[in-house]
Amino acid sequence: MAEAGWTAADRAHMAAALRLAARGLGRVAPNPSVGCVVVAQGRVVGRGWTQPGGRPHGETEALQRAGAAAQGATTYISLEPCAHHGKTPPCTDALIAAGIARAVISCEDPDPRVSGRGLAALRAAGIRVDTGLMAEEAAALNRGFFLRLAERRPLVTLKLAASLDGRIATRSGESQWITGPAARARGHLLRASHDAVLVGSGTAAVDDPALTVRLPGMADAHPLRVLLDGRLATPLTHKLVAQAREVPTLLFTRADNPKDRTAAYRQAGVEVAAVELDGDGRLDLAAVMATLAERGITRLLVEGGSHVAAGLLRAGLVDRIASFRAGLVLGGEGLAAVAGTGLEHLAEAPRFTLQSVERLGPDLLETWARAS
């Protein structure tokens, strides 16, 4: 519950802090992305957000920009400030030392090293602390960080680029390009906002994707590339392997594959991780997610293929769907975006709630969130 009656100014400044926090998504793992706005006498004197690699934190950045003007100011922070000593001193210490008078904090940090301690430290220093403003939006923004702590897995976004009838390729396998240039550019931006991007071996073999961010000014925004290849069928000449020394690539496969074959991937610069098989003899997707979480991955974008999508949906591991839809119809002989899931009844189907619709030239991007 909120501890204050929120003003229009409070809401505007917290909305700005959340927008700042969003700038760090895909670049700060395993840390959350935090935005901070410092306001003195009704004027913004400092802004900051978590920097690439997770440090400096957003509060430190904003206070540095505010300088002496932070004395007696109000700070708007999208997540509870840290109160523990890590690679950097606690943000609570920096806020106290800056002499702020009030801290408006959107939501509590579930990290057991922080949870409630940051709020308590600020209050003990005589700072007025108000919580709960736009808490739902703040929690959604750092949902991946929260899931990693609570469920040992990242937030999973399934990207689909399909025709009006849900097909991602013709009967011959032609898929480039179903959507237009604006939608493809938006897809690259989506990659940049995730810590890792995953494909299955079928997509890797057919499309030979680079899975990099090819947008002006974002040459360093490439996510970790993740490949599911139980049989090690991906050619060593394909981009995910050949470019592994330039763009990190993690390959998940079976533990019983020939050692000389796995060694060839490692020699090419690919990191190879063995995972258990599920009851159907496929790579255990829950184990894959747990391994990614252990590596600090908080946000995972899944780009294919149809069997990987079906497996994640069956396992209840898809949190969001980014559905790019093009205005063409390919018919029943085309490749479905999602392979068979074995559902018998509508009540068993995973359900999602529409969050937004964005027009991209002739195409649409619909963003859906798993229904609670």
Protein backbone atom coordinates (compact mmCIF):
# COMPACT_ATOMS: atom_id res chain seq x y z
CA MET A 1 0.00 0.00 0.00
CA ALA A 2 1.15 3.53 -0.66
CA GLU A 3 2.33 5.52 2.29
CA ALA A 4 1.46 8.85 0.71
CA GLY A 5 -1.22 10.54 -1.34
CA TRP A 6 0.40 10.68 -4.76
CA THR A 7 0.43 13.97 -6.63
CA ALA A 8 0.50 14.42 -10.38
CA ALA A 9 4.15 15.43 -10.05
CA ASP A 10 4.94 12.24 -8.12
CA ARG A 11 3.42 10.13 -10.88
CA ALA A 12 5.19 12.03 -13.65
CA HIS A 13 8.60 11.71 -12.00
CA MET A 14 8.16 8.01 -11.25
CA ALA A 15 7.05 7.38 -14.83
CA ALA A 16 10.27 9.07 -15.92
CA ALA A 17 12.29 6.84 -13.56
CA LEU A 18 10.66 3.76 -15.10
CA ARG A 19 11.48 4.95 -18.62
CA LEU A 20 15.08 5.44 -17.55
CA ALA A 21 15.17 1.96 -16.04
CA ALA A 22 13.96 0.47 -19.32
CA ARG A 23 17.09 1.78 -21.04
CA GLY A 24 19.18 -0.79 -19.20
CA LEU A 25 17.16 -3.87 -20.11
CA GLY A 26 19.32 -6.46 -21.81
CA ARG A 27 22.57 -4.88 -20.65
CA VAL A 28 22.69 -5.09 -16.85
CA ALA A 29 22.23 -8.80 -16.00
CA PRO A 30 22.36 -10.28 -13.43
CA ASN A 31 21.38 -6.99 -11.80
CA PRO A 32 17.96 -5.36 -12.09
CA SER A 33 17.68 -2.21 -14.15
CA VAL A 34 16.87 0.77 -11.93
CA GLY A 35 15.96 4.33 -12.84
CA CYS A 36 16.28 7.33 -10.54
CA VAL A 37 15.16 10.95 -10.79
CA VAL A 38 16.30 13.62 -8.31
CA VAL A 39 13.94 16.58 -7.89
CA ALA A 40 14.71 19.75 -5.93
CA GLN A 41 12.16 22.57 -5.57
CA GLY A 42 10.08 21.13 -8.37
CA ARG A 43 12.97 20.90 -10.81
CA VAL A 44 14.75 17.76 -12.03
CA VAL A 45 18.41 18.12 -11.04
CA GLY A 46 19.65 14.58 -11.70
CA ARG A 47 18.71 11.48 -13.66
CA GLY A 48 20.32 8.08 -13.86
CA TRP A 49 19.85 4.44 -14.77
CA THR A 50 21.83 1.25 -14.23
CA GLN A 51 24.81 1.18 -16.55
CA PRO A 52 25.98 -1.71 -18.79
CA GLY A 53 27.31 -4.60 -16.75
CA GLY A 54 25.11 -3.60 -13.81
CA ARG A 55 27.27 -0.82 -12.41
CA PRO A 56 27.17 2.01 -11.52
CA HIS A 57 23.63 1.76 -10.23
CA GLY A 58 20.94 4.21 -11.24
CA GLU A 59 20.86 6.03 -7.91
CA THR A 60 24.62 6.67 -7.98
CA GLU A 61 24.41 8.01 -11.52
CA ALA A 62 21.55 10.38 -10.67
CA LEU A 63 23.18 11.67 -7.48
CA GLN A 64 26.44 12.33 -9.29
CA ARG A 65 24.61 14.43 -11.84
CA ALA A 66 22.66 16.27 -9.15
CA GLY A 67 25.72 17.12 -7.07
CA ALA A 68 25.06 19.52 -4.21
CA ALA A 69 21.50 20.09 -5.46
CA ALA A 70 20.55 16.67 -4.00
CA GLN A 71 20.63 18.16 -0.48
CA GLY A 72 17.01 18.24 0.72
CA ALA A 73 15.73 16.81 -2.57
CA THR A 74 13.23 14.06 -3.35
CA THR A 75 14.38 10.98 -5.24
CA TYR A 76 12.08 8.79 -7.34
CA ILE A 77 13.51 5.27 -7.60
CA SER A 78 11.99 2.35 -9.53
CA LEU A 79 13.27 -0.34 -7.13
CA GLU A 80 14.37 -0.44 -3.49
CA PRO A 81 18.00 0.76 -3.21
CA CYS A 82 20.59 -1.85 -2.30
CA ALA A 83 21.77 -1.93 1.32
CA HIS A 84 24.59 -4.47 1.08
CA HIS A 85 28.25 -4.18 0.19
CA GLY A 86 29.05 -5.85 -3.13
CA LYS A 87 31.45 -4.65 -5.80
CA THR A 88 30.22 -1.15 -5.01
CA PRO A 89 29.05 0.50 -1.76
CA PRO A 90 25.30 0.42 -0.95
CA CYS A 91 23.11 2.92 -2.76
CA THR A 92 21.41 3.64 0.57
CA ASP A 93 24.71 5.03 1.85
CA ALA A 94 25.00 7.28 -1.19
CA LEU A 95 21.44 8.56 -0.76
CA ILE A 96 21.98 9.27 2.92
CA ALA A 97 25.33 10.98 2.30
CA ALA A 98 23.74 13.16 -0.38
CA GLY A 99 21.29 14.50 2.20
CA ILE A 100 18.05 13.72 0.41
CA ALA A 101 14.88 14.47 2.38
CA ARG A 102 12.43 12.05 0.76
CA ALA A 103 12.64 8.82 -1.23
CA VAL A 104 9.70 7.64 -3.32
CA ILE A 105 10.34 3.98 -4.11
CA SER A 106 8.14 2.00 -6.45
CA CYS A 107 8.58 -1.54 -5.14
CA GLU A 108 10.62 -3.67 -2.77
CA ASP A 109 13.62 -5.64 -4.02
CA PRO A 110 13.03 -9.40 -3.48
CA ASP A 111 16.76 -10.11 -3.30
CA PRO A 112 17.24 -11.45 0.27
CA ARG A 113 20.36 -9.29 0.61
CA VAL A 114 18.22 -6.21 0.11
CA SER A 115 14.55 -6.95 0.77
CA GLY A 116 13.28 -4.34 3.23
CA ARG A 117 16.77 -3.43 4.43
CA GLY A 118 17.18 -0.55 2.03
CA LEU A 119 13.89 0.98 3.17
CA ALA A 120 14.82 0.48 6.83
CA ALA A 121 18.26 2.08 6.40
CA LEU A 122 16.78 5.18 4.78
CA ARG A 123 14.14 5.54 7.47
CA ALA A 124 16.72 5.06 10.23
CA ALA A 125 18.62 8.01 8.73
CA GLY A 126 15.52 10.21 9.09
CA ILE A 127 14.59 10.17 5.41
CA ARG A 128 10.89 10.08 4.57
CA VAL A 129 10.23 6.93 2.55
CA ASP A 130 7.05 6.44 0.51
CA THR A 131 6.51 3.18 -1.36
CA GLY A 132 4.11 1.61 -3.83
CA LEU A 133 3.86 4.24 -6.55
CA MET A 134 3.48 2.45 -9.92
CA ALA A 135 4.59 -0.78 -8.26
CA GLU A 136 2.89 -2.99 -10.82
CA GLU A 137 4.69 -1.32 -13.70
CA ALA A 138 8.02 -1.49 -11.87
CA ALA A 139 7.60 -5.19 -11.12
CA ALA A 140 6.72 -5.89 -14.76
CA LEU A 141 9.83 -4.06 -15.93
CA ASN A 142 12.13 -6.21 -13.77
CA ARG A 143 10.05 -9.37 -14.03
CA GLY A 144 13.04 -11.32 -15.27
CA PHE A 145 15.13 -10.36 -12.25
CA PHE A 146 12.27 -11.38 -9.94
CA LEU A 147 11.76 -14.73 -11.73
CA ARG A 148 15.44 -15.55 -11.53
CA LEU A 149 15.32 -15.17 -7.75
CA ALA A 150 11.96 -16.86 -7.17
CA GLU A 151 11.87 -19.62 -9.80
CA ARG A 152 15.48 -20.05 -10.94
CA ARG A 153 14.71 -19.12 -14.54
CA PRO A 154 14.69 -16.03 -16.74
CA LEU A 155 11.68 -14.23 -18.16
CA VAL A 156 10.94 -15.95 -21.48
CA THR A 157 9.62 -13.98 -24.45
CA LEU A 158 8.59 -16.04 -27.47
CA LYS A 159 8.98 -14.13 -30.71
CA LEU A 160 6.78 -15.17 -33.63
CA ALA A 161 6.88 -13.69 -37.13
CA ALA A 162 4.00 -15.24 -39.03
CA SER A 163 1.33 -14.84 -41.66
CA LEU A 164 -2.29 -14.07 -40.81
CA ASP A 165 -2.93 -17.81 -40.57
CA GLY A 166 0.00 -18.46 -38.24
CA ARG A 167 2.55 -19.80 -40.73
CA ILE A 168 6.26 -19.02 -40.59
CA ALA A 169 7.31 -20.54 -43.93
CA THR A 170 5.86 -21.95 -47.14
CA ARG A 171 5.66 -25.69 -47.84
CA SER A 172 9.13 -25.45 -49.43
CA GLY A 173 10.57 -23.80 -46.32
CA GLU A 174 10.86 -20.26 -47.72
CA SER A 175 10.56 -17.75 -44.88
CA GLN A 176 12.64 -14.69 -45.83
CA TRP A 177 10.93 -12.40 -45.55
CA ILE A 178 7.40 -12.75 -44.22
CA THR A 179 7.49 -9.40 -42.46
CA GLY A 180 8.83 -6.11 -43.80
CA PRO A 181 11.90 -3.99 -42.97
CA ALA A 182 10.24 -2.03 -40.13
CA ALA A 183 9.17 -5.21 -38.36
CA ARG A 184 12.61 -6.76 -38.80
CA ALA A 185 14.27 -3.65 -37.35
CA ARG A 186 11.88 -3.82 -34.40
CA GLY A 187 12.92 -7.44 -33.94
CA HIS A 188 16.55 -6.37 -33.65
CA LEU A 189 15.57 -3.84 -31.00
CA LEU A 190 13.78 -6.64 -29.16
CA ARG A 191 17.01 -8.65 -29.17
CA ALA A 192 18.86 -5.71 -27.68
CA SER A 193 16.48 -5.59 -24.71
CA HIS A 194 17.19 -9.23 -23.76
CA ASP A 195 20.24 -10.81 -22.16
CA ALA A 196 20.15 -13.87 -24.42
CA VAL A 197 18.44 -15.07 -27.59
CA LEU A 198 17.71 -18.76 -28.22
CA VAL A 199 17.01 -20.93 -31.27
CA GLY A 200 16.73 -24.65 -31.89
CA SER A 201 18.93 -26.66 -34.21
CA GLY A 202 16.26 -26.79 -36.94
CA THR A 203 16.11 -23.02 -37.25
CA ALA A 204 19.89 -22.81 -37.06
CA ALA A 205 20.30 -25.31 -39.88
CA VAL A 206 17.71 -23.80 -42.21
CA ASP A 207 18.15 -20.06 -41.60
CA ASP A 208 21.80 -19.87 -40.47
CA PRO A 209 20.94 -16.87 -38.27
CA ALA A 210 23.56 -14.55 -36.78
CA LEU A 211 21.23 -13.53 -33.90
CA THR A 212 23.07 -10.23 -33.56
CA VAL A 213 21.72 -6.68 -33.25
CA ARG A 214 22.18 -4.98 -36.59
CA LEU A 215 21.00 -1.46 -35.85
CA PRO A 216 23.00 1.79 -36.18
CA GLY A 217 24.83 2.67 -32.97
CA MET A 218 24.14 -0.69 -31.31
CA ALA A 219 27.15 -2.73 -32.39
CA ASP A 220 27.90 -3.68 -28.77
CA ALA A 221 24.33 -4.66 -27.83
CA HIS A 222 24.48 -8.30 -28.90
CA PRO A 223 22.83 -10.74 -26.48
CA LEU A 224 24.32 -14.11 -25.58
CA ARG A 225 23.40 -16.54 -28.38
CA VAL A 226 21.93 -19.83 -27.15
CA LEU A 227 21.55 -22.90 -29.33
CA LEU A 228 19.62 -26.08 -28.49
CA ASP A 229 21.19 -28.91 -30.45
CA GLY A 230 20.87 -32.33 -28.88
CA ARG A 231 22.43 -34.19 -31.83
CA LEU A 232 25.10 -31.57 -32.67
CA ALA A 233 23.69 -31.19 -36.16
CA THR A 234 24.65 -27.53 -36.62
CA PRO A 235 27.48 -27.23 -39.18
CA LEU A 236 30.72 -25.74 -37.85
CA THR A 237 30.62 -23.30 -40.79
CA HIS A 238 27.33 -21.71 -39.70
CA LYS A 239 27.33 -18.25 -38.16
CA LEU A 240 26.48 -19.33 -34.60
CA VAL A 241 29.67 -21.40 -34.56
CA ALA A 242 31.94 -19.54 -36.96
CA GLN A 243 31.35 -16.20 -35.20
CA ALA A 244 31.48 -17.56 -31.64
CA ARG A 245 34.78 -15.86 -30.84
CA GLU A 246 33.27 -12.48 -31.71
CA VAL A 247 29.78 -13.01 -30.25
CA PRO A 248 29.49 -15.42 -27.28
CA THR A 249 27.51 -18.58 -28.03
CA LEU A 250 26.27 -21.21 -25.59
CA LEU A 251 25.26 -24.62 -26.97
CA PHE A 252 23.07 -27.00 -24.97
CA THR A 253 23.32 -30.65 -25.96
CA ARG A 254 23.14 -34.24 -24.72
CA ALA A 255 25.78 -35.54 -22.33
CA ASP A 256 26.37 -38.70 -24.38
CA ASN A 257 27.53 -37.02 -27.60
CA PRO A 258 30.98 -37.99 -28.94
CA LYS A 259 33.72 -36.06 -27.16
CA ASP A 260 35.56 -35.26 -30.38
CA ARG A 261 32.42 -33.63 -31.81
CA THR A 262 31.85 -31.44 -28.72
CA ALA A 263 35.56 -30.61 -28.74
CA ALA A 264 35.24 -29.24 -32.27
CA TYR A 265 32.60 -26.76 -31.14
CA ARG A 266 34.70 -25.74 -28.15
CA GLN A 267 37.74 -25.21 -30.36
CA ALA A 268 35.62 -22.86 -32.46
CA GLY A 269 34.89 -20.78 -29.36
CA VAL A 270 31.46 -22.18 -28.50
CA GLU A 271 30.67 -22.89 -24.86
CA VAL A 272 29.09 -26.34 -24.61
CA ALA A 273 26.79 -27.37 -21.74
CA ALA A 274 25.28 -30.82 -21.30
CA VAL A 275 21.75 -31.06 -19.93
CA GLU A 276 19.43 -33.88 -18.97
CA LEU A 277 16.74 -35.25 -21.28
CA ASP A 278 13.05 -35.06 -20.52
CA GLY A 279 10.60 -37.97 -20.65
CA ASP A 280 10.28 -37.62 -24.43
CA GLY A 281 14.02 -37.82 -25.03
CA ARG A 282 14.39 -34.10 -25.74
CA LEU A 283 16.63 -31.60 -23.99
CA ASP A 284 15.02 -30.73 -20.65
CA LEU A 285 13.90 -27.12 -21.13
CA ALA A 286 13.48 -26.50 -17.40
CA ALA A 287 17.11 -27.56 -16.89
CA VAL A 288 18.15 -25.21 -19.70
CA MET A 289 16.32 -22.33 -18.01
CA ALA A 290 17.90 -23.13 -14.64
CA THR A 291 21.38 -23.13 -16.18
CA LEU A 292 20.74 -19.78 -17.84
CA ALA A 293 19.53 -18.36 -14.53
CA GLU A 294 22.67 -19.59 -12.81
CA ARG A 295 24.68 -17.68 -15.41
CA GLY A 296 22.79 -14.52 -14.46
CA ILE A 297 20.45 -14.38 -17.47
CA THR A 298 17.23 -12.59 -16.52
CA ARG A 299 15.61 -12.01 -19.93
CA LEU A 300 15.54 -14.62 -22.72
CA LEU A 301 14.18 -14.08 -26.23
CA VAL A 302 13.21 -17.26 -28.10
CA GLU A 303 13.25 -16.92 -31.90
CA GLY A 304 12.60 -20.46 -33.08
CA GLY A 305 11.70 -22.95 -34.14
CA SER A 306 8.21 -24.34 -33.95
CA HIS A 307 9.16 -27.39 -31.84
CA VAL A 308 11.07 -25.26 -29.31
CA ALA A 309 8.05 -22.93 -29.08
CA ALA A 310 5.71 -25.87 -28.51
CA GLY A 311 7.98 -27.37 -25.87
CA LEU A 312 8.22 -24.14 -23.91
CA LEU A 313 4.46 -23.63 -24.08
CA ARG A 314 3.81 -27.19 -22.92
CA ALA A 315 6.17 -26.66 -20.00
CA GLY A 316 4.50 -23.39 -18.98
CA LEU A 317 7.75 -21.49 -19.54
CA VAL A 318 6.53 -18.72 -21.87
CA ASP A 319 5.83 -15.44 -20.08
CA ARG A 320 5.32 -13.16 -23.05
CA ILE A 321 4.70 -13.49 -26.77
CA ALA A 322 5.89 -10.89 -29.26
CA SER A 323 3.78 -11.72 -32.31
CA PHE A 324 4.75 -10.01 -35.57
CA ARG A 325 1.91 -10.48 -38.08
CA ALA A 326 2.15 -9.90 -41.79
CA GLY A 327 -0.81 -9.39 -44.12
CA LEU A 328 -0.47 -12.56 -46.16
CA VAL A 329 -1.94 -16.05 -46.04
CA LEU A 330 0.21 -19.15 -46.67
CA GLY A 331 -2.33 -21.93 -46.16
CA GLY A 332 -2.32 -25.21 -44.32
CA GLU A 333 0.73 -26.61 -46.12
CA GLY A 334 2.91 -23.88 -44.65
CA LEU A 335 5.02 -24.45 -41.53
CA ALA A 336 3.10 -23.62 -38.36
CA ALA A 337 4.61 -21.11 -35.95
CA VAL A 338 4.06 -23.58 -33.10
CA ALA A 339 4.29 -27.35 -33.53
CA GLY A 340 1.75 -29.72 -32.03
CA THR A 341 1.24 -29.45 -28.29
CA GLY A 342 -1.03 -32.45 -27.81
CA LEU A 343 -3.90 -30.44 -26.35
CA GLU A 344 -7.28 -32.16 -26.15
CA HIS A 345 -9.36 -29.44 -24.48
CA LEU A 346 -9.48 -25.66 -24.69
CA ALA A 347 -9.23 -25.45 -20.91
CA GLU A 348 -5.69 -26.86 -21.15
CA ALA A 349 -4.46 -24.18 -23.55
CA PRO A 350 -1.98 -21.57 -22.27
CA ARG A 351 -3.74 -18.21 -22.19
CA PHE A 352 -2.29 -14.76 -22.75
CA THR A 353 -3.59 -11.21 -22.31
CA LEU A 354 -3.03 -8.56 -24.96
CA GLN A 355 -0.72 -5.81 -23.67
CA SER A 356 -0.11 -3.65 -26.72
CA VAL A 357 -0.42 -3.36 -30.49
CA GLU A 358 2.15 -1.53 -32.59
CA ARG A 359 1.93 -0.85 -36.33
CA LEU A 360 5.21 -1.37 -38.21
CA GLY A 361 4.70 -0.40 -41.82
CA PRO A 362 2.30 -3.00 -43.28
CA ASP A 363 2.80 -5.34 -40.31
CA LEU A 364 1.63 -5.50 -36.70
CA LEU A 365 3.43 -6.31 -33.46
CA GLU A 366 1.12 -7.66 -30.79
CA THR A 367 2.61 -8.14 -27.32
CA TRP A 368 0.90 -10.65 -25.05
CA ALA A 369 1.56 -11.54 -21.40
CA ARG A 370 0.73 -14.86 -19.79
CA ALA A 371 -2.62 -14.63 -18.02
CA SER A 372 -2.27 -14.96 -14.26
